[in-house]
PDB file of N, CA and C in Angstrom:
ATOM      1  N   UNK A   1     -94.326 -68.699-133.746  1.00  0.00           N
ATOM      2  CA  UNK A   1     -94.434 -70.197-133.734  1.00  0.00           C
ATOM      3  C   UNK A   1     -95.695 -71.375-134.261  1.00  0.00           C
ATOM      4  N   UNK A   2     -95.571 -72.010-134.622  1.00  0.00           N
ATOM      5  CA  UNK A   2     -96.644 -72.567-135.697  1.00  0.00           C
ATOM      6  C   UNK A   2     -97.013 -73.674-134.530  1.00  0.00           C
ATOM      7  N   UNK A   3     -98.426 -73.116-134.574  1.00  0.00           N
ATOM      8  CA  UNK A   3     -99.643 -73.489-133.728  1.00  0.00           C
ATOM      9  C   UNK A   3    -100.844 -73.574-134.611  1.00  0.00           C
ATOM     10  N   UNK A   4    -100.981 -75.560-133.526  1.00  0.00           N
ATOM     11  CA  UNK A   4    -102.793 -75.496-135.086  1.00  0.00           C
ATOM     12  C   UNK A   4    -103.720 -76.359-134.343  1.00  0.00           C
ATOM     13  N   UNK A   5    -103.573 -76.008-132.797  1.00  0.00           N
ATOM     14  CA  UNK A   5    -104.095 -76.479-131.839  1.00  0.00           C
ATOM     15  C   UNK A   5    -105.484 -75.940-132.143  1.00  0.00           C
ATOM     16  N   UNK A   6    -106.510 -76.856-131.824  1.00  0.00           N
ATOM     17  CA  UNK A   6    -107.929 -75.661-131.690  1.00  0.00           C
ATOM     18  C   UNK A   6    -108.341 -75.322-133.483  1.00  0.00           C
ATOM     19  N   UNK A   7    -107.464 -75.367-134.395  1.00  0.00           N
ATOM     20  CA  UNK A   7    -107.873 -75.125-135.667  1.00  0.00           C
ATOM     21  C   UNK A   7    -109.335 -75.769-136.377  1.00  0.00           C
ATOM     22  N   UNK A   8    -109.924 -75.104-136.435  1.00  0.00           N
ATOM     23  CA  UNK A   8    -111.290 -76.109-137.126  1.00  0.00           C
ATOM     24  C   UNK A   8    -110.830 -77.066-137.805  1.00  0.00           C
ATOM     25  N   UNK A   9    -111.813 -78.152-138.108  1.00  0.00           N
ATOM     26  CA  UNK A   9    -111.357 -79.313-139.347  1.00  0.00           C
ATOM     27  C   UNK A   9    -112.367 -78.581-140.846  1.00  0.00           C
ATOM     28  N   UNK A  10    -111.490 -79.248-141.981  1.00  0.00           N
ATOM     29  CA  UNK A  10    -112.442 -79.192-142.456  1.00  0.00           C
ATOM     30  C   UNK A  10    -112.181 -80.058-143.556  1.00  0.00           C
ATOM     31  N   UNK A  11    -113.162 -80.485-144.045  1.00  0.00           N
ATOM     32  CA  UNK A  11    -113.556 -81.899-145.356  1.00  0.00           C
ATOM     33  C   UNK A  11    -112.470 -81.855-146.501  1.00  0.00           C
ATOM     34  N   UNK A  12    -111.698 -82.356-146.842  1.00  0.00           N
ATOM     35  CA  UNK A  12    -111.062 -82.738-148.054  1.00  0.00           C
ATOM     36  C   UNK A  12    -111.059 -84.365-148.879  1.00  0.00           C
ATOM     37  N   UNK A  13    -110.683 -84.344-150.332  1.00  0.00           N
ATOM     38  CA  UNK A  13    -110.682 -85.866-150.699  1.00  0.00           C
ATOM     39  C   UNK A  13    -109.060 -86.029-150.741  1.00  0.00           C
ATOM     40  N   UNK A  14    -108.955 -87.230-150.280  1.00  0.00           N
ATOM     41  CA  UNK A  14    -107.331 -87.747-150.320  1.00  0.00           C
ATOM     42  C   UNK A  14    -107.608 -88.613-151.389  1.00  0.00           C
ATOM     43  N   UNK A  15    -106.136 -89.457-152.111  1.00  0.00           N
ATOM     44  CA  UNK A  15    -106.187 -90.543-152.538  1.00  0.00           C
ATOM     45  C   UNK A  15    -105.080 -91.204-151.984  1.00  0.00           C
ATOM     46  N   UNK A  16    -105.605 -92.364-151.505  1.00  0.00           N
ATOM     47  CA  UNK A  16    -104.770 -93.249-150.645  1.00  0.00           C
ATOM     48  C   UNK A  16    -104.227 -94.714-151.056  1.00  0.00           C
ATOM     49  N   UNK A  17    -103.418 -95.075-150.660  1.00  0.00           N
ATOM     50  CA  UNK A  17    -103.064 -96.454-150.730  1.00  0.00           C
ATOM     51  C   UNK A  17    -104.284 -97.174-150.460  1.00  0.00           C
ATOM     52  N   UNK A  18    -104.928 -98.018-151.697  1.00  0.00           N
ATOM     53  CA  UNK A  18    -106.023 -98.857-150.504  1.00  0.00           C
ATOM     54  C   UNK A  18    -105.737 -99.787-149.891  1.00  0.00           C
ATOM     55  N   UNK A  19    -104.713-100.791-150.066  1.00  0.00           N
ATOM     56  CA  UNK A  19    -104.459-101.799-149.109  1.00  0.00           C
ATOM     57  C   UNK A  19    -104.145-101.139-148.006  1.00  0.00           C
ATOM     58  N   UNK A  20    -103.902 -99.845-148.252  1.00  0.00           N
ATOM     59  CA  UNK A  20    -103.162 -99.587-146.501  1.00  0.00           C
ATOM     60  C   UNK A  20    -104.350 -99.261-145.759  1.00  0.00           C
ATOM     61  N   UNK A  21    -105.066 -98.078-146.791  1.00  0.00           N
ATOM     62  CA  UNK A  21    -106.529 -97.474-146.107  1.00  0.00           C
ATOM     63  C   UNK A  21    -107.258 -99.023-145.438  1.00  0.00           C
ATOM     64  N   UNK A  22    -106.727-100.188-146.125  1.00  0.00           N
ATOM     65  CA  UNK A  22    -107.857-101.063-145.539  1.00  0.00           C
ATOM     66  C   UNK A  22    -107.253-101.719-144.177  1.00  0.00           C
ATOM     67  N   UNK A  23    -106.100-101.722-144.339  1.00  0.00           N
ATOM     68  CA  UNK A  23    -105.366-102.251-143.153  1.00  0.00           C
ATOM     69  C   UNK A  23    -105.014-101.273-142.163  1.00  0.00           C
ATOM     70  N   UNK A  24    -105.095 -99.945-141.804  1.00  0.00           N
ATOM     71  CA  UNK A  24    -105.429 -99.079-141.375  1.00  0.00           C
ATOM     72  C   UNK A  24    -107.411 -99.463-140.491  1.00  0.00           C
ATOM     73  N   UNK A  25    -107.964 -99.381-141.243  1.00  0.00           N
ATOM     74  CA  UNK A  25    -108.919 -99.484-140.819  1.00  0.00           C
ATOM     75  C   UNK A  25    -109.168-100.808-139.996  1.00  0.00           C
ATOM     76  N   UNK A  26    -108.897-102.035-140.416  1.00  0.00           N
ATOM     77  CA  UNK A  26    -109.100-103.164-139.769  1.00  0.00           C
ATOM     78  C   UNK A  26    -108.105-103.297-138.434  1.00  0.00           C
ATOM     79  N   UNK A  27    -107.314-101.997-138.532  1.00  0.00           N
ATOM     80  CA  UNK A  27    -106.635-102.245-136.994  1.00  0.00           C
ATOM     81  C   UNK A  27    -106.838-100.849-135.923  1.00  0.00           C
ATOM     82  N   UNK A  28    -108.225-100.468-136.368  1.00  0.00           N
ATOM     83  CA  UNK A  28    -108.558 -99.278-135.925  1.00  0.00           C
ATOM     84  C   UNK A  28    -108.391 -98.026-135.659  1.00  0.00           C
ATOM     85  N   UNK A  29    -107.315 -97.678-136.390  1.00  0.00           N
ATOM     86  CA  UNK A  29    -106.787 -96.436-136.534  1.00  0.00           C
ATOM     87  C   UNK A  29    -107.506 -95.388-136.961  1.00  0.00           C
ATOM     88  N   UNK A  30    -107.046 -94.292-136.647  1.00  0.00           N
ATOM     89  CA  UNK A  30    -108.658 -93.243-137.043  1.00  0.00           C
ATOM     90  C   UNK A  30    -107.708 -92.274-138.275  1.00  0.00           C
ATOM     91  N   UNK A  31    -107.680 -92.397-139.177  1.00  0.00           N
ATOM     92  CA  UNK A  31    -107.362 -92.117-140.449  1.00  0.00           C
ATOM     93  C   UNK A  31    -107.120 -90.379-140.685  1.00  0.00           C
ATOM     94  N   UNK A  32    -107.933 -90.126-140.508  1.00  0.00           N
ATOM     95  CA  UNK A  32    -108.333 -88.678-140.455  1.00  0.00           C
ATOM     96  C   UNK A  32    -107.366 -88.349-139.488  1.00  0.00           C
ATOM     97  N   UNK A  33    -107.235 -88.547-138.049  1.00  0.00           N
ATOM     98  CA  UNK A  33    -106.316 -88.041-137.129  1.00  0.00           C
ATOM     99  C   UNK A  33    -104.961 -88.201-137.510  1.00  0.00           C
ATOM    100  N   UNK A  34    -104.435 -89.719-137.537  1.00  0.00           N
ATOM    101  CA  UNK A  34    -103.308 -90.484-138.513  1.00  0.00           C
ATOM    102  C   UNK A  34    -102.557 -89.194-139.232  1.00  0.00           C
ATOM    103  N   UNK A  35    -103.728 -89.134-140.413  1.00  0.00           N
ATOM    104  CA  UNK A  35    -103.128 -87.624-141.310  1.00  0.00           C
ATOM    105  C   UNK A  35    -102.978 -86.582-141.155  1.00  0.00           C
ATOM    106  N   UNK A  36    -103.787 -85.963-140.422  1.00  0.00           N
ATOM    107  CA  UNK A  36    -103.706 -84.647-139.560  1.00  0.00           C
ATOM    108  C   UNK A  36    -102.200 -84.212-138.202  1.00  0.00           C
ATOM    109  N   UNK A  37    -101.985 -85.782-138.040  1.00  0.00           N
ATOM    110  CA  UNK A  37    -101.133 -85.378-137.411  1.00  0.00           C
ATOM    111  C   UNK A  37     -99.622 -85.526-137.642  1.00  0.00           C
ATOM    112  N   UNK A  38     -99.471 -86.620-138.941  1.00  0.00           N
ATOM    113  CA  UNK A  38     -98.601 -86.537-139.464  1.00  0.00           C
ATOM    114  C   UNK A  38     -98.630 -85.229-140.513  1.00  0.00           C
ATOM    115  N   UNK A  39     -99.377 -85.196-141.582  1.00  0.00           N
ATOM    116  CA  UNK A  39     -99.113 -84.033-142.241  1.00  0.00           C
ATOM    117  C   UNK A  39     -98.869 -82.580-141.507  1.00  0.00           C
ATOM    118  N   UNK A  40     -99.113 -81.839-140.111  1.00  0.00           N
ATOM    119  CA  UNK A  40     -98.880 -81.611-139.444  1.00  0.00           C
ATOM    120  C   UNK A  40     -97.423 -81.136-139.075  1.00  0.00           C
ATOM    121  N   UNK A  41     -96.726 -82.106-138.843  1.00  0.00           N
ATOM    122  CA  UNK A  41     -95.414 -82.922-138.462  1.00  0.00           C
ATOM    123  C   UNK A  41     -94.835 -82.620-139.804  1.00  0.00           C
ATOM    124  N   UNK A  42     -95.605 -82.358-141.014  1.00  0.00           N
ATOM    125  CA  UNK A  42     -94.478 -82.249-142.107  1.00  0.00           C
ATOM    126  C   UNK A  42     -94.643 -81.005-142.413  1.00  0.00           C
ATOM    127  N   UNK A  43     -95.520 -80.113-142.228  1.00  0.00           N
ATOM    128  CA  UNK A  43     -95.681 -78.520-142.556  1.00  0.00           C
ATOM    129  C   UNK A  43     -94.567 -78.126-141.335  1.00  0.00           C
ATOM    130  N   UNK A  44     -94.435 -78.110-140.190  1.00  0.00           N
ATOM    131  CA  UNK A  44     -93.909 -77.559-139.277  1.00  0.00           C
ATOM    132  C   UNK A  44     -92.238 -78.045-139.825  1.00  0.00           C
ATOM    133  N   UNK A  45     -91.975 -78.823-139.841  1.00  0.00           N
ATOM    134  CA  UNK A  45     -90.121 -79.469-140.576  1.00  0.00           C
ATOM    135  C   UNK A  45     -90.199 -78.604-142.098  1.00  0.00           C
ATOM    136  N   UNK A  46     -91.002 -78.764-142.503  1.00  0.00           N
ATOM    137  CA  UNK A  46     -90.592 -77.771-144.132  1.00  0.00           C
ATOM    138  C   UNK A  46     -90.664 -76.174-143.754  1.00  0.00           C
ATOM    139  N   UNK A  47     -91.152 -75.760-142.802  1.00  0.00           N
ATOM    140  CA  UNK A  47     -91.576 -74.377-142.498  1.00  0.00           C
ATOM    141  C   UNK A  47     -90.620 -73.679-141.776  1.00  0.00           C
ATOM    142  N   UNK A  48     -89.564 -74.485-140.940  1.00  0.00           N
ATOM    143  CA  UNK A  48     -88.253 -74.679-140.416  1.00  0.00           C
ATOM    144  C   UNK A  48     -87.660 -74.568-141.281  1.00  0.00           C
ATOM    145  N   UNK A  49     -87.158 -75.392-142.266  1.00  0.00           N
ATOM    146  CA  UNK A  49     -86.236 -75.607-143.259  1.00  0.00           C
ATOM    147  C   UNK A  49     -86.326 -74.771-144.398  1.00  0.00           C
ATOM    148  N   UNK A  50     -87.663 -73.951-144.120  1.00  0.00           N
ATOM    149  CA  UNK A  50     -87.502 -73.043-145.193  1.00  0.00           C
ATOM    150  C   UNK A  50     -86.755 -71.883-144.184  1.00  0.00           C
ATOM    151  N   UNK A  51     -87.393 -71.349-142.874  1.00  0.00           N
ATOM    152  CA  UNK A  51     -87.413 -70.272-142.083  1.00  0.00           C
ATOM    153  C   UNK A  51     -85.266 -70.545-141.765  1.00  0.00           C
ATOM    154  N   UNK A  52     -84.545 -71.606-142.034  1.00  0.00           N
ATOM    155  CA  UNK A  52     -83.544 -71.703-141.574  1.00  0.00           C
ATOM    156  C   UNK A  52     -82.594 -71.112-142.866  1.00  0.00           C
ATOM    157  N   UNK A  53     -83.258 -71.519-144.370  1.00  0.00           N
ATOM    158  CA  UNK A  53     -82.435 -71.314-145.579  1.00  0.00           C
ATOM    159  C   UNK A  53     -82.447 -69.983-145.634  1.00  0.00           C
ATOM    160  N   UNK A  54     -83.940 -69.599-145.180  1.00  0.00           N
ATOM    161  CA  UNK A  54     -84.242 -67.846-145.491  1.00  0.00           C
ATOM    162  C   UNK A  54     -83.111 -66.889-144.987  1.00  0.00           C
ATOM    163  N   UNK A  55     -83.101 -67.470-143.445  1.00  0.00           N
ATOM    164  CA  UNK A  55     -82.375 -67.106-142.801  1.00  0.00           C
ATOM    165  C   UNK A  55     -80.572 -67.590-142.600  1.00  0.00           C
ATOM    166  N   UNK A  56     -80.140 -68.071-143.147  1.00  0.00           N
ATOM    167  CA  UNK A  56     -79.252 -68.554-142.914  1.00  0.00           C
ATOM    168  C   UNK A  56     -77.342 -67.771-143.137  1.00  0.00           C
ATOM    169  N   UNK A  57     -78.256 -66.810-144.165  1.00  0.00           N
ATOM    170  CA  UNK A  57     -77.066 -65.821-143.670  1.00  0.00           C
ATOM    171  C   UNK A  57     -77.219 -64.736-142.115  1.00  0.00           C
ATOM    172  N   UNK A  58     -77.720 -64.662-141.606  1.00  0.00           N
ATOM    173  CA  UNK A  58     -78.335 -63.720-140.581  1.00  0.00           C
ATOM    174  C   UNK A  58     -77.960 -64.438-139.460  1.00  0.00           C
ATOM    175  N   UNK A  59     -78.255 -65.708-139.526  1.00  0.00           N
ATOM    176  CA  UNK A  59     -77.465 -67.137-138.364  1.00  0.00           C
ATOM    177  C   UNK A  59     -75.664 -67.175-138.507  1.00  0.00           C
ATOM    178  N   UNK A  60     -75.291 -66.575-139.591  1.00  0.00           N
ATOM    179  CA  UNK A  60     -74.023 -67.066-139.671  1.00  0.00           C
ATOM    180  C   UNK A  60     -73.323 -65.901-139.371  1.00  0.00           C
ATOM    181  N   UNK A  61     -74.285 -64.867-139.863  1.00  0.00           N
ATOM    182  CA  UNK A  61     -73.348 -63.786-139.121  1.00  0.00           C
ATOM    183  C   UNK A  61     -73.420 -63.046-137.335  1.00  0.00           C
ATOM    184  N   UNK A  62     -74.920 -63.663-136.900  1.00  0.00           N
ATOM    185  CA  UNK A  62     -74.645 -63.727-135.115  1.00  0.00           C
ATOM    186  C   UNK A  62     -73.962 -64.662-134.993  1.00  0.00           C
ATOM    187  N   UNK A  63     -73.378 -65.481-134.964  1.00  0.00           N
ATOM    188  CA  UNK A  63     -72.597 -66.340-134.945  1.00  0.00           C
ATOM    189  C   UNK A  63     -71.437 -66.019-134.944  1.00  0.00           C
ATOM    190  N   UNK A  64     -71.029 -65.512-136.084  1.00  0.00           N
ATOM    191  CA  UNK A  64     -69.934 -64.853-136.046  1.00  0.00           C
ATOM    192  C   UNK A  64     -69.573 -63.639-134.945  1.00  0.00           C
ATOM    193  N   UNK A  65     -70.219 -63.179-134.915  1.00  0.00           N
ATOM    194  CA  UNK A  65     -70.603 -61.835-133.826  1.00  0.00           C
ATOM    195  C   UNK A  65     -70.051 -62.579-132.831  1.00  0.00           C
ATOM    196  N   UNK A  66     -70.602 -63.541-132.085  1.00  0.00           N
ATOM    197  CA  UNK A  66     -70.777 -63.885-130.928  1.00  0.00           C
ATOM    198  C   UNK A  66     -68.982 -64.392-130.486  1.00  0.00           C
ATOM    199  N   UNK A  67     -68.955 -65.485-131.499  1.00  0.00           N
ATOM    200  CA  UNK A  67     -67.444 -65.963-131.646  1.00  0.00           C
ATOM    201  C   UNK A  67     -66.256 -65.115-131.491  1.00  0.00           C
ATOM    202  N   UNK A  68     -66.599 -63.972-132.096  1.00  0.00           N
ATOM    203  CA  UNK A  68     -66.041 -62.485-132.075  1.00  0.00           C
ATOM    204  C   UNK A  68     -65.878 -61.987-130.617  1.00  0.00           C
ATOM    205  N   UNK A  69     -66.737 -61.320-130.494  1.00  0.00           N
ATOM    206  CA  UNK A  69     -66.893 -60.398-129.047  1.00  0.00           C
ATOM    207  C   UNK A  69     -67.782 -61.280-127.663  1.00  0.00           C
ATOM    208  N   UNK A  70     -68.193 -62.750-127.806  1.00  0.00           N
ATOM    209  CA  UNK A  70     -68.318 -63.626-126.628  1.00  0.00           C
ATOM    210  C   UNK A  70     -69.899 -63.252-126.566  1.00  0.00           C
ATOM    211  N   UNK A  71     -70.916 -63.644-125.788  1.00  0.00           N
ATOM    212  CA  UNK A  71     -72.251 -63.115-125.481  1.00  0.00           C
ATOM    213  C   UNK A  71     -72.374 -62.184-124.970  1.00  0.00           C
ATOM    214  N   UNK A  72     -73.363 -61.615-125.457  1.00  0.00           N
ATOM    215  CA  UNK A  72     -73.886 -60.311-124.195  1.00  0.00           C
ATOM    216  C   UNK A  72     -74.532 -60.782-123.019  1.00  0.00           C
ATOM    217  N   UNK A  73     -73.693 -59.609-121.722  1.00  0.00           N
ATOM    218  CA  UNK A  73     -73.992 -59.704-120.585  1.00  0.00           C
ATOM    219  C   UNK A  73     -73.560 -60.963-120.025  1.00  0.00           C
ATOM    220  N   UNK A  74     -72.553 -61.887-120.575  1.00  0.00           N
ATOM    221  CA  UNK A  74     -71.484 -63.125-120.505  1.00  0.00           C
ATOM    222  C   UNK A  74     -71.475 -62.944-118.673  1.00  0.00           C
ATOM    223  N   UNK A  75     -70.545 -61.549-118.739  1.00  0.00           N
ATOM    224  CA  UNK A  75     -70.687 -62.014-116.831  1.00  0.00           C
ATOM    225  C   UNK A  75     -70.917 -62.289-115.918  1.00  0.00           C
ATOM    226  N   UNK A  76     -72.868 -61.885-116.204  1.00  0.00           N
ATOM    227  CA  UNK A  76     -73.675 -61.872-115.364  1.00  0.00           C
ATOM    228  C   UNK A  76     -74.000 -63.197-115.035  1.00  0.00           C
ATOM    229  N   UNK A  77     -73.684 -64.429-116.024  1.00  0.00           N
ATOM    230  CA  UNK A  77     -73.798 -66.173-116.352  1.00  0.00           C
ATOM    231  C   UNK A  77     -73.177 -66.477-114.954  1.00  0.00           C
ATOM    232  N   UNK A  78     -74.030 -66.936-114.359  1.00  0.00           N
ATOM    233  CA  UNK A  78     -73.683 -67.834-112.892  1.00  0.00           C
ATOM    234  C   UNK A  78     -73.445 -69.401-113.842  1.00  0.00           C
ATOM    235  N   UNK A  79     -73.682 -69.770-114.807  1.00  0.00           N
ATOM    236  CA  UNK A  79     -73.368 -71.435-115.027  1.00  0.00           C
ATOM    237  C   UNK A  79     -71.567 -71.441-116.325  1.00  0.00           C
TER     238      UNK A  79
END
């Protein structure tokens, strides 16, 4: 699982739309925190998108096996 909690911060340079940045500051937004949060969400999204693509065949084979043989230990399910 991807975890970014408690990772150290690193200074970086970004080029942002000047008007958007000005409005964000006027609204009292913490630009660094906002960008960090949104970037982490996008990294997670792209990571899982890539993982799904790389594992598409294995997932399809597993699903086909379950469809044909049923779930392992299904007889013990209480729901």
